[in-house]
Structure formats: structure tokens, C-alpha cells
Amino acid sequence: MRATRLNHVSVSANDLDESAVFYEELFGMERIPTPRFEFPVQWLRLGENQLHLFLRDADAPRFHHLALDVDDFASVYVKAKELGALDFETQGAAIREHPSGWVQMYLRDPAGNLIEVDWPDAAGIDRSVVTDIQSLEEQVPQVGEAAEATLYLEDRSGVA
């Protein structure tokens, strides 16, 4: 038995509308019909998956996050910088490049939830636009299998 896909991620919000607008403007998500629960909730479509926002009294945990692939890393970077959403503190850098070539960008939404934005090929990033890239190797040496690790796994199921 194994999970077959990510269905949804739920994160807290301080203001449902403010957070929904953030995800709509930065990632092109769209609001979808949402059931009613004992507490306020707003669901958003992300391709075949969903992001669920909810109002609760507790703060978002510092390192819990959702990770998203995007179709234009530089555009997300520019918009996140404009919104003041880049997180330079939690992971030691807002953007880190792994020695095998992929890149991670860290943001905070209006409620403080951590968002990781991933990109498969650092070589394709215009560094005159995306200016905050730091080497993960310089922060934490990547040796052995760690130097080959990737966020982008092949489909090994044999199904196209």
C-alpha cells in the first residue's frame, strides 16, 4: 500500500480573505466551493490538488511548510520580494541552490506559514533578476548521497 498523490495541505490563516488573495496573486490558485466546519475555512484549487486555509487561535509552526513547483520561478521571486514575503531567517537564506542543480525559495504567507517554492534547474534562472541565491553547499556541506539528492524523482512505477 502507498499514497498515490498529495490531495491537499491545510495551513492556518489570520485572515481568510487576505491569505486567499496572497495565494491567488502569487501562485494563481483559485477559490473553490468549501464545506462548512466548526471554524472558518477556505479551499483553493492548485491543479489537481488543493490548499485549505483555516482560522485557528494557534500560531503556525516555524518549520512546517508546503512545497510548490511553479511555472516561472523568477516571476514568483519578483512578486514575493514586492510583497515582502521572502523569508531570509528560517533556513538561513531566502533562496538556496543545491549542488545537483535544483533551487528552493522560502516565503511566509500573511499568517506566517512557511512556503517552499522549488525549481528544477538553477542554470535556467536569470541571476540578474533573482539576486538572492545562496549555495546550500556553503551552508551545509553536501557529501555522498546528499550531493545527489533531488526534489524531482522519476516515476518508477512504469506507468506513463
N, C-alpha and C. Protein backbone atom coordinates (compact mmCIF):
# COMPACT_ATOMS: atom_id res chain seq x y z
N MET A 1 0.85 -1.18 0.00
CA MET A 1 0.00 0.00 0.00
C MET A 1 0.90 1.24 0.00
N ARG A 2 0.49 2.27 -0.79
CA ARG A 2 1.24 3.52 -0.82
C ARG A 2 0.32 4.67 -1.19
N ALA A 3 0.68 5.84 -0.76
CA ALA A 3 -0.06 7.02 -1.17
C ALA A 3 0.19 7.25 -2.66
N THR A 4 -0.79 7.78 -3.36
CA THR A 4 -0.63 7.97 -4.81
C THR A 4 -0.44 9.42 -5.23
N ARG A 5 -0.85 10.38 -4.39
CA ARG A 5 -0.63 11.79 -4.72
C ARG A 5 -0.95 12.64 -3.50
N LEU A 6 -0.51 13.83 -3.53
CA LEU A 6 -0.86 14.79 -2.49
C LEU A 6 -2.25 15.30 -2.78
N ASN A 7 -3.17 15.15 -1.85
CA ASN A 7 -4.54 15.61 -2.04
C ASN A 7 -4.68 17.07 -1.67
N HIS A 8 -4.26 17.41 -0.45
CA HIS A 8 -4.31 18.81 -0.04
C HIS A 8 -3.36 19.04 1.13
N VAL A 9 -3.07 20.28 1.36
CA VAL A 9 -2.32 20.73 2.54
C VAL A 9 -3.20 21.77 3.21
N SER A 10 -3.26 21.72 4.54
CA SER A 10 -4.03 22.70 5.31
C SER A 10 -3.08 23.56 6.12
N VAL A 11 -3.26 24.86 6.03
CA VAL A 11 -2.43 25.78 6.80
C VAL A 11 -3.32 26.83 7.46
N SER A 12 -2.85 27.35 8.57
CA SER A 12 -3.63 28.34 9.29
C SER A 12 -3.53 29.71 8.63
N ALA A 13 -4.53 30.52 8.89
CA ALA A 13 -4.57 31.90 8.39
C ALA A 13 -5.03 32.80 9.53
N ASN A 14 -4.56 34.02 9.53
CA ASN A 14 -5.06 35.01 10.48
C ASN A 14 -6.31 35.69 9.94
N ASP A 15 -6.38 35.80 8.60
CA ASP A 15 -7.50 36.43 7.89
C ASP A 15 -7.68 35.62 6.61
N LEU A 16 -8.80 34.92 6.48
CA LEU A 16 -9.01 34.04 5.32
C LEU A 16 -8.91 34.77 4.00
N ASP A 17 -9.54 35.93 3.88
CA ASP A 17 -9.52 36.65 2.62
C ASP A 17 -8.11 37.12 2.28
N GLU A 18 -7.41 37.68 3.24
CA GLU A 18 -6.04 38.16 3.00
C GLU A 18 -5.15 37.02 2.53
N SER A 19 -5.25 35.86 3.18
CA SER A 19 -4.43 34.72 2.78
C SER A 19 -4.85 34.17 1.42
N ALA A 20 -6.16 34.10 1.16
CA ALA A 20 -6.63 33.61 -0.14
C ALA A 20 -6.12 34.51 -1.26
N VAL A 21 -6.19 35.82 -1.08
CA VAL A 21 -5.69 36.77 -2.09
C VAL A 21 -4.19 36.56 -2.31
N PHE A 22 -3.42 36.34 -1.24
CA PHE A 22 -1.98 36.09 -1.35
C PHE A 22 -1.72 34.90 -2.27
N TYR A 23 -2.39 33.76 -2.02
CA TYR A 23 -2.17 32.55 -2.82
C TYR A 23 -2.71 32.71 -4.25
N GLU A 24 -3.78 33.47 -4.42
CA GLU A 24 -4.31 33.73 -5.76
C GLU A 24 -3.33 34.58 -6.56
N GLU A 25 -2.83 35.67 -5.97
CA GLU A 25 -1.96 36.59 -6.69
C GLU A 25 -0.56 36.02 -6.94
N LEU A 26 -0.01 35.30 -5.97
CA LEU A 26 1.36 34.82 -6.10
C LEU A 26 1.46 33.51 -6.87
N PHE A 27 0.46 32.62 -6.73
CA PHE A 27 0.56 31.29 -7.32
C PHE A 27 -0.57 30.94 -8.29
N GLY A 28 -1.50 31.87 -8.53
CA GLY A 28 -2.58 31.62 -9.47
C GLY A 28 -3.60 30.59 -9.00
N MET A 29 -3.67 30.36 -7.70
CA MET A 29 -4.69 29.44 -7.18
C MET A 29 -6.06 30.10 -7.31
N GLU A 30 -7.11 29.27 -7.22
CA GLU A 30 -8.47 29.83 -7.31
C GLU A 30 -9.33 29.27 -6.19
N ARG A 31 -10.21 30.11 -5.67
CA ARG A 31 -11.13 29.67 -4.63
C ARG A 31 -12.13 28.68 -5.23
N ILE A 32 -12.44 27.66 -4.46
CA ILE A 32 -13.40 26.65 -4.89
C ILE A 32 -14.45 26.47 -3.79
N PRO A 33 -15.60 25.85 -4.12
CA PRO A 33 -16.62 25.62 -3.09
C PRO A 33 -16.02 24.91 -1.88
N THR A 34 -16.38 25.40 -0.72
CA THR A 34 -15.80 24.94 0.53
C THR A 34 -16.90 24.53 1.50
N PRO A 35 -16.80 23.34 2.10
CA PRO A 35 -17.81 22.96 3.09
C PRO A 35 -17.69 23.80 4.36
N ARG A 36 -18.69 23.75 5.16
CA ARG A 36 -18.68 24.47 6.42
C ARG A 36 -18.23 23.53 7.53
N PHE A 37 -17.42 24.05 8.42
CA PHE A 37 -16.95 23.30 9.58
C PHE A 37 -17.23 24.13 10.83
N GLU A 38 -16.74 23.66 11.97
CA GLU A 38 -16.94 24.39 13.22
C GLU A 38 -16.12 25.67 13.27
N PHE A 39 -15.20 25.84 12.35
CA PHE A 39 -14.33 27.01 12.27
C PHE A 39 -14.25 27.44 10.82
N PRO A 40 -13.94 28.71 10.54
CA PRO A 40 -13.91 29.21 9.16
C PRO A 40 -12.80 28.54 8.33
N VAL A 41 -13.16 28.19 7.09
CA VAL A 41 -12.25 27.51 6.16
C VAL A 41 -12.46 28.08 4.76
N GLN A 42 -11.38 28.14 3.97
CA GLN A 42 -11.48 28.48 2.54
C GLN A 42 -10.60 27.51 1.79
N TRP A 43 -11.16 26.84 0.79
CA TRP A 43 -10.39 25.92 -0.04
C TRP A 43 -9.99 26.61 -1.33
N LEU A 44 -8.77 26.26 -1.82
CA LEU A 44 -8.24 26.80 -3.07
C LEU A 44 -7.78 25.64 -3.95
N ARG A 45 -7.98 25.80 -5.25
CA ARG A 45 -7.52 24.80 -6.22
C ARG A 45 -6.07 25.09 -6.60
N LEU A 46 -5.28 24.01 -6.63
CA LEU A 46 -3.90 24.05 -7.10
C LEU A 46 -3.74 22.87 -8.05
N GLY A 47 -4.04 23.09 -9.34
CA GLY A 47 -4.03 21.97 -10.28
C GLY A 47 -5.04 20.93 -9.85
N GLU A 48 -4.60 19.68 -9.69
CA GLU A 48 -5.47 18.62 -9.22
C GLU A 48 -5.49 18.54 -7.70
N ASN A 49 -4.70 19.35 -7.03
CA ASN A 49 -4.61 19.33 -5.58
C ASN A 49 -5.27 20.57 -4.98
N GLN A 50 -5.28 20.63 -3.67
CA GLN A 50 -5.93 21.75 -3.00
C GLN A 50 -5.09 22.25 -1.85
N LEU A 51 -5.27 23.54 -1.56
CA LEU A 51 -4.74 24.15 -0.35
C LEU A 51 -5.95 24.55 0.48
N HIS A 52 -5.97 24.16 1.75
CA HIS A 52 -7.06 24.51 2.65
C HIS A 52 -6.54 25.51 3.67
N LEU A 53 -7.18 26.65 3.74
CA LEU A 53 -6.85 27.67 4.73
C LEU A 53 -7.88 27.59 5.84
N PHE A 54 -7.44 27.75 7.09
CA PHE A 54 -8.38 27.70 8.21
C PHE A 54 -7.99 28.72 9.27
N LEU A 55 -8.99 29.21 9.98
CA LEU A 55 -8.76 30.15 11.09
C LEU A 55 -8.71 29.36 12.39
N ARG A 56 -7.64 29.54 13.13
CA ARG A 56 -7.46 28.94 14.45
C ARG A 56 -6.69 29.93 15.30
N ASP A 57 -6.68 29.69 16.59
CA ASP A 57 -6.00 30.62 17.50
C ASP A 57 -4.50 30.37 17.62
N ALA A 58 -4.01 29.23 17.18
CA ALA A 58 -2.59 28.89 17.35
C ALA A 58 -1.73 29.46 16.22
N ASP A 59 -0.48 29.81 16.54
CA ASP A 59 0.48 30.27 15.54
C ASP A 59 0.92 29.11 14.65
N ALA A 60 1.26 29.42 13.42
CA ALA A 60 1.78 28.40 12.51
C ALA A 60 3.16 27.96 13.00
N PRO A 61 3.42 26.65 13.06
CA PRO A 61 4.76 26.20 13.46
C PRO A 61 5.82 26.74 12.51
N ARG A 62 6.96 27.06 13.03
CA ARG A 62 8.01 27.76 12.29
C ARG A 62 8.52 27.00 11.06
N PHE A 63 8.73 25.70 11.17
CA PHE A 63 9.34 24.96 10.07
C PHE A 63 8.35 24.13 9.26
N HIS A 64 7.12 23.98 9.71
CA HIS A 64 6.13 23.26 8.90
C HIS A 64 5.90 24.06 7.63
N HIS A 65 5.78 23.38 6.51
CA HIS A 65 5.61 24.11 5.25
C HIS A 65 4.96 23.25 4.19
N LEU A 66 4.52 23.93 3.14
CA LEU A 66 4.12 23.24 1.94
C LEU A 66 5.12 23.64 0.87
N ALA A 67 5.36 22.73 -0.05
CA ALA A 67 6.31 22.98 -1.13
C ALA A 67 5.58 22.95 -2.46
N LEU A 68 5.84 23.96 -3.28
CA LEU A 68 5.15 24.09 -4.56
C LEU A 68 6.15 24.19 -5.70
N ASP A 69 5.86 23.51 -6.79
CA ASP A 69 6.56 23.76 -8.05
C ASP A 69 5.80 24.88 -8.74
N VAL A 70 6.49 25.73 -9.48
CA VAL A 70 5.86 26.84 -10.18
C VAL A 70 6.29 26.82 -11.64
N ASP A 71 5.59 27.58 -12.47
CA ASP A 71 5.93 27.60 -13.89
C ASP A 71 6.89 28.74 -14.24
N ASP A 72 7.12 29.66 -13.32
CA ASP A 72 8.02 30.80 -13.58
C ASP A 72 8.64 31.26 -12.26
N PHE A 73 9.77 30.68 -11.94
CA PHE A 73 10.43 30.95 -10.67
C PHE A 73 10.76 32.43 -10.49
N ALA A 74 11.29 33.05 -11.54
CA ALA A 74 11.68 34.47 -11.45
C ALA A 74 10.48 35.37 -11.17
N SER A 75 9.35 35.10 -11.79
CA SER A 75 8.17 35.93 -11.56
C SER A 75 7.66 35.80 -10.13
N VAL A 76 7.69 34.58 -9.59
CA VAL A 76 7.28 34.38 -8.20
C VAL A 76 8.25 35.12 -7.28
N TYR A 77 9.55 35.04 -7.57
CA TYR A 77 10.55 35.75 -6.78
C TYR A 77 10.28 37.26 -6.77
N VAL A 78 10.06 37.83 -7.95
CA VAL A 78 9.82 39.28 -8.06
C VAL A 78 8.58 39.68 -7.26
N LYS A 79 7.49 38.92 -7.41
CA LYS A 79 6.26 39.24 -6.70
C LYS A 79 6.43 39.04 -5.19
N ALA A 80 7.08 37.97 -4.78
CA ALA A 80 7.31 37.72 -3.35
C ALA A 80 8.17 38.82 -2.73
N LYS A 81 9.17 39.27 -3.47
CA LYS A 81 10.02 40.36 -2.98
C LYS A 81 9.19 41.65 -2.84
N GLU A 82 8.34 41.92 -3.83
CA GLU A 82 7.46 43.08 -3.80
C GLU A 82 6.52 43.04 -2.59
N LEU A 83 6.03 41.84 -2.26
CA LEU A 83 5.12 41.67 -1.12
C LEU A 83 5.84 41.60 0.22
N GLY A 84 7.17 41.56 0.19
CA GLY A 84 7.93 41.42 1.44
C GLY A 84 7.76 40.03 2.04
N ALA A 85 7.53 39.02 1.20
CA ALA A 85 7.23 37.67 1.69
C ALA A 85 8.45 36.76 1.80
N LEU A 86 9.60 37.16 1.25
CA LEU A 86 10.79 36.30 1.31
C LEU A 86 11.20 36.09 2.77
N ASP A 87 11.54 34.86 3.11
CA ASP A 87 11.98 34.51 4.47
C ASP A 87 13.49 34.23 4.44
N PHE A 88 14.26 35.17 4.95
CA PHE A 88 15.72 35.05 4.97
C PHE A 88 16.23 34.36 6.23
N GLU A 89 15.36 34.18 7.23
CA GLU A 89 15.80 33.72 8.54
C GLU A 89 15.68 32.22 8.78
N THR A 90 14.53 31.64 8.50
CA THR A 90 14.23 30.28 8.93
C THR A 90 15.25 29.25 8.45
N GLN A 91 15.62 29.29 7.18
CA GLN A 91 16.56 28.32 6.62
C GLN A 91 17.95 28.91 6.40
N GLY A 92 18.17 30.13 6.87
CA GLY A 92 19.48 30.76 6.72
C GLY A 92 19.65 31.52 5.42
N ALA A 93 18.69 31.42 4.52
CA ALA A 93 18.71 32.13 3.24
C ALA A 93 17.32 32.05 2.64
N ALA A 94 16.94 33.05 1.87
CA ALA A 94 15.63 33.02 1.21
C ALA A 94 15.64 32.04 0.03
N ILE A 95 16.79 31.91 -0.64
CA ILE A 95 16.90 31.01 -1.80
C ILE A 95 18.20 30.24 -1.68
N ARG A 96 18.09 28.92 -1.81
CA ARG A 96 19.26 28.05 -1.74
C ARG A 96 19.34 27.16 -2.97
N GLU A 97 20.55 27.05 -3.49
CA GLU A 97 20.82 26.17 -4.64
C GLU A 97 21.55 24.94 -4.15
N HIS A 98 21.05 23.78 -4.53
CA HIS A 98 21.69 22.51 -4.18
C HIS A 98 22.75 22.19 -5.23
N PRO A 99 23.83 21.51 -4.85
CA PRO A 99 24.89 21.18 -5.82
C PRO A 99 24.41 20.41 -7.05
N SER A 100 23.32 19.64 -6.93
CA SER A 100 22.84 18.90 -8.11
C SER A 100 21.97 19.75 -9.03
N GLY A 101 21.73 21.04 -8.65
CA GLY A 101 21.12 21.97 -9.59
C GLY A 101 19.75 22.51 -9.26
N TRP A 102 19.00 21.91 -8.35
CA TRP A 102 17.68 22.43 -8.03
C TRP A 102 17.78 23.57 -7.02
N VAL A 103 16.69 24.34 -6.93
CA VAL A 103 16.67 25.55 -6.10
C VAL A 103 15.42 25.55 -5.23
N GLN A 104 15.57 26.09 -4.02
CA GLN A 104 14.46 26.27 -3.09
C GLN A 104 14.36 27.74 -2.70
N MET A 105 13.15 28.29 -2.71
CA MET A 105 12.91 29.66 -2.24
C MET A 105 11.93 29.56 -1.07
N TYR A 106 12.18 30.34 -0.01
CA TYR A 106 11.32 30.30 1.17
C TYR A 106 10.58 31.61 1.35
N LEU A 107 9.26 31.49 1.59
CA LEU A 107 8.38 32.64 1.76
C LEU A 107 7.53 32.42 3.01
N ARG A 108 6.93 33.50 3.47
CA ARG A 108 5.92 33.41 4.53
C ARG A 108 4.63 34.04 4.00
N ASP A 109 3.51 33.36 4.23
CA ASP A 109 2.23 33.95 3.86
C ASP A 109 1.79 34.92 4.95
N PRO A 110 0.67 35.62 4.77
CA PRO A 110 0.27 36.63 5.75
C PRO A 110 0.06 36.09 7.17
N ALA A 111 -0.23 34.79 7.32
CA ALA A 111 -0.42 34.22 8.65
C ALA A 111 0.87 33.65 9.23
N GLY A 112 1.97 33.73 8.48
CA GLY A 112 3.25 33.23 8.98
C GLY A 112 3.58 31.82 8.57
N ASN A 113 2.75 31.19 7.73
CA ASN A 113 3.05 29.84 7.25
C ASN A 113 4.24 29.88 6.30
N LEU A 114 5.13 28.91 6.43
CA LEU A 114 6.30 28.80 5.57
C LEU A 114 5.91 28.10 4.27
N ILE A 115 6.35 28.67 3.16
CA ILE A 115 6.11 28.10 1.83
C ILE A 115 7.46 27.92 1.16
N GLU A 116 7.69 26.74 0.63
CA GLU A 116 8.90 26.46 -0.14
C GLU A 116 8.50 26.43 -1.61
N VAL A 117 9.20 27.18 -2.44
CA VAL A 117 8.95 27.19 -3.89
C VAL A 117 10.17 26.53 -4.53
N ASP A 118 9.92 25.48 -5.31
CA ASP A 118 11.02 24.68 -5.88
C ASP A 118 11.14 24.88 -7.39
N TRP A 119 12.39 24.76 -7.86
CA TRP A 119 12.69 24.89 -9.29
C TRP A 119 13.76 23.87 -9.64
N PRO A 120 13.60 23.12 -10.73
CA PRO A 120 14.50 22.01 -11.01
C PRO A 120 15.89 22.36 -11.55
N ASP A 121 16.08 23.56 -12.12
CA ASP A 121 17.33 23.84 -12.83
C ASP A 121 17.84 25.25 -12.57
N ALA A 122 18.78 25.38 -11.65
CA ALA A 122 19.34 26.68 -11.30
C ALA A 122 19.99 27.35 -12.51
N ALA A 123 20.51 26.57 -13.43
CA ALA A 123 21.19 27.14 -14.60
C ALA A 123 20.24 27.96 -15.46
N GLY A 124 18.94 27.67 -15.39
CA GLY A 124 17.96 28.39 -16.19
C GLY A 124 17.42 29.65 -15.53
N ILE A 125 17.94 30.01 -14.38
CA ILE A 125 17.44 31.19 -13.66
C ILE A 125 18.27 32.41 -14.04
N ASP A 126 17.60 33.50 -14.38
CA ASP A 126 18.27 34.76 -14.70
C ASP A 126 18.73 35.41 -13.39
N ARG A 127 20.02 35.34 -13.14
CA ARG A 127 20.56 35.83 -11.87
C ARG A 127 20.64 37.35 -11.79
N SER A 128 20.33 38.02 -12.89
CA SER A 128 20.22 39.48 -12.81
C SER A 128 18.84 39.86 -12.25
N VAL A 129 17.90 38.92 -12.28
CA VAL A 129 16.56 39.13 -11.72
C VAL A 129 16.48 38.50 -10.32
N VAL A 130 16.86 37.24 -10.22
CA VAL A 130 16.84 36.51 -8.95
C VAL A 130 18.22 36.66 -8.33
N THR A 131 18.32 37.61 -7.43
CA THR A 131 19.65 38.03 -6.93
C THR A 131 20.02 37.47 -5.56
N ASP A 132 19.13 36.72 -4.93
CA ASP A 132 19.38 36.28 -3.55
C ASP A 132 19.76 34.80 -3.43
N ILE A 133 20.24 34.18 -4.50
CA ILE A 133 20.55 32.75 -4.46
C ILE A 133 21.85 32.52 -3.68
N GLN A 134 21.77 31.60 -2.70
CA GLN A 134 22.95 31.19 -1.95
C GLN A 134 23.16 29.70 -2.13
N SER A 135 24.37 29.26 -1.93
CA SER A 135 24.71 27.85 -2.08
C SER A 135 24.41 27.08 -0.79
N LEU A 136 23.61 26.04 -0.90
CA LEU A 136 23.37 25.17 0.25
C LEU A 136 24.68 24.51 0.66
N GLU A 137 25.50 24.18 -0.32
CA GLU A 137 26.81 23.55 -0.07
C GLU A 137 27.67 24.41 0.86
N GLU A 138 27.59 25.73 0.71
CA GLU A 138 28.36 26.62 1.58
C GLU A 138 27.78 26.68 2.99
N GLN A 139 26.48 26.48 3.13
CA GLN A 139 25.84 26.48 4.44
C GLN A 139 26.08 25.15 5.15
N VAL A 140 25.83 24.06 4.42
CA VAL A 140 25.96 22.71 4.97
C VAL A 140 26.59 21.84 3.88
N PRO A 141 27.82 21.38 4.07
CA PRO A 141 28.47 20.56 3.04
C PRO A 141 27.62 19.35 2.66
N GLN A 142 27.50 19.13 1.36
CA GLN A 142 26.70 18.03 0.81
C GLN A 142 27.67 16.96 0.32
N VAL A 143 27.75 15.85 1.05
CA VAL A 143 28.70 14.79 0.70
C VAL A 143 27.95 13.49 0.44
N GLY A 144 28.56 12.61 -0.33
CA GLY A 144 27.96 11.31 -0.62
C GLY A 144 26.62 11.45 -1.29
N GLU A 145 25.64 10.68 -0.83
CA GLU A 145 24.30 10.72 -1.42
C GLU A 145 23.65 12.08 -1.28
N ALA A 146 24.00 12.84 -0.25
CA ALA A 146 23.41 14.17 -0.06
C ALA A 146 23.70 15.08 -1.24
N ALA A 147 24.86 14.92 -1.87
CA ALA A 147 25.23 15.75 -3.01
C ALA A 147 24.42 15.41 -4.25
N GLU A 148 23.79 14.24 -4.26
CA GLU A 148 23.00 13.81 -5.41
C GLU A 148 21.50 13.89 -5.15
N ALA A 149 21.10 14.31 -3.96
CA ALA A 149 19.68 14.34 -3.60
C ALA A 149 18.91 15.27 -4.53
N THR A 150 17.65 14.92 -4.79
CA THR A 150 16.83 15.76 -5.65
C THR A 150 15.39 15.80 -5.17
N LEU A 151 14.74 16.90 -5.44
CA LEU A 151 13.31 17.04 -5.18
C LEU A 151 12.50 16.45 -6.33
N TYR A 152 13.16 16.15 -7.43
CA TYR A 152 12.48 15.74 -8.66
C TYR A 152 12.78 14.28 -8.96
N LEU A 153 11.95 13.41 -8.45
CA LEU A 153 12.12 11.98 -8.61
C LEU A 153 11.47 11.49 -9.89
N GLU A 154 12.09 10.50 -10.49
CA GLU A 154 11.49 9.85 -11.67
C GLU A 154 10.30 9.04 -11.23
N ASP A 155 9.36 8.85 -12.15
CA ASP A 155 8.26 7.92 -11.90
C ASP A 155 8.80 6.53 -12.12
N ARG A 156 8.91 5.74 -11.07
CA ARG A 156 9.45 4.38 -11.17
C ARG A 156 8.36 3.33 -11.23
N SER A 157 7.12 3.76 -11.41
CA SER A 157 6.01 2.80 -11.41
C SER A 157 5.88 2.07 -12.74
N GLY A 158 6.53 2.60 -13.79
CA GLY A 158 6.40 2.00 -15.11
C GLY A 158 5.14 2.46 -15.84
N VAL A 159 4.34 3.29 -15.18
CA VAL A 159 3.12 3.80 -15.79
C VAL A 159 3.40 5.18 -16.34
N ALA A 160 3.05 5.41 -17.60
CA ALA A 160 3.30 6.72 -18.22
C ALA A 160 2.29 7.73 -17.78
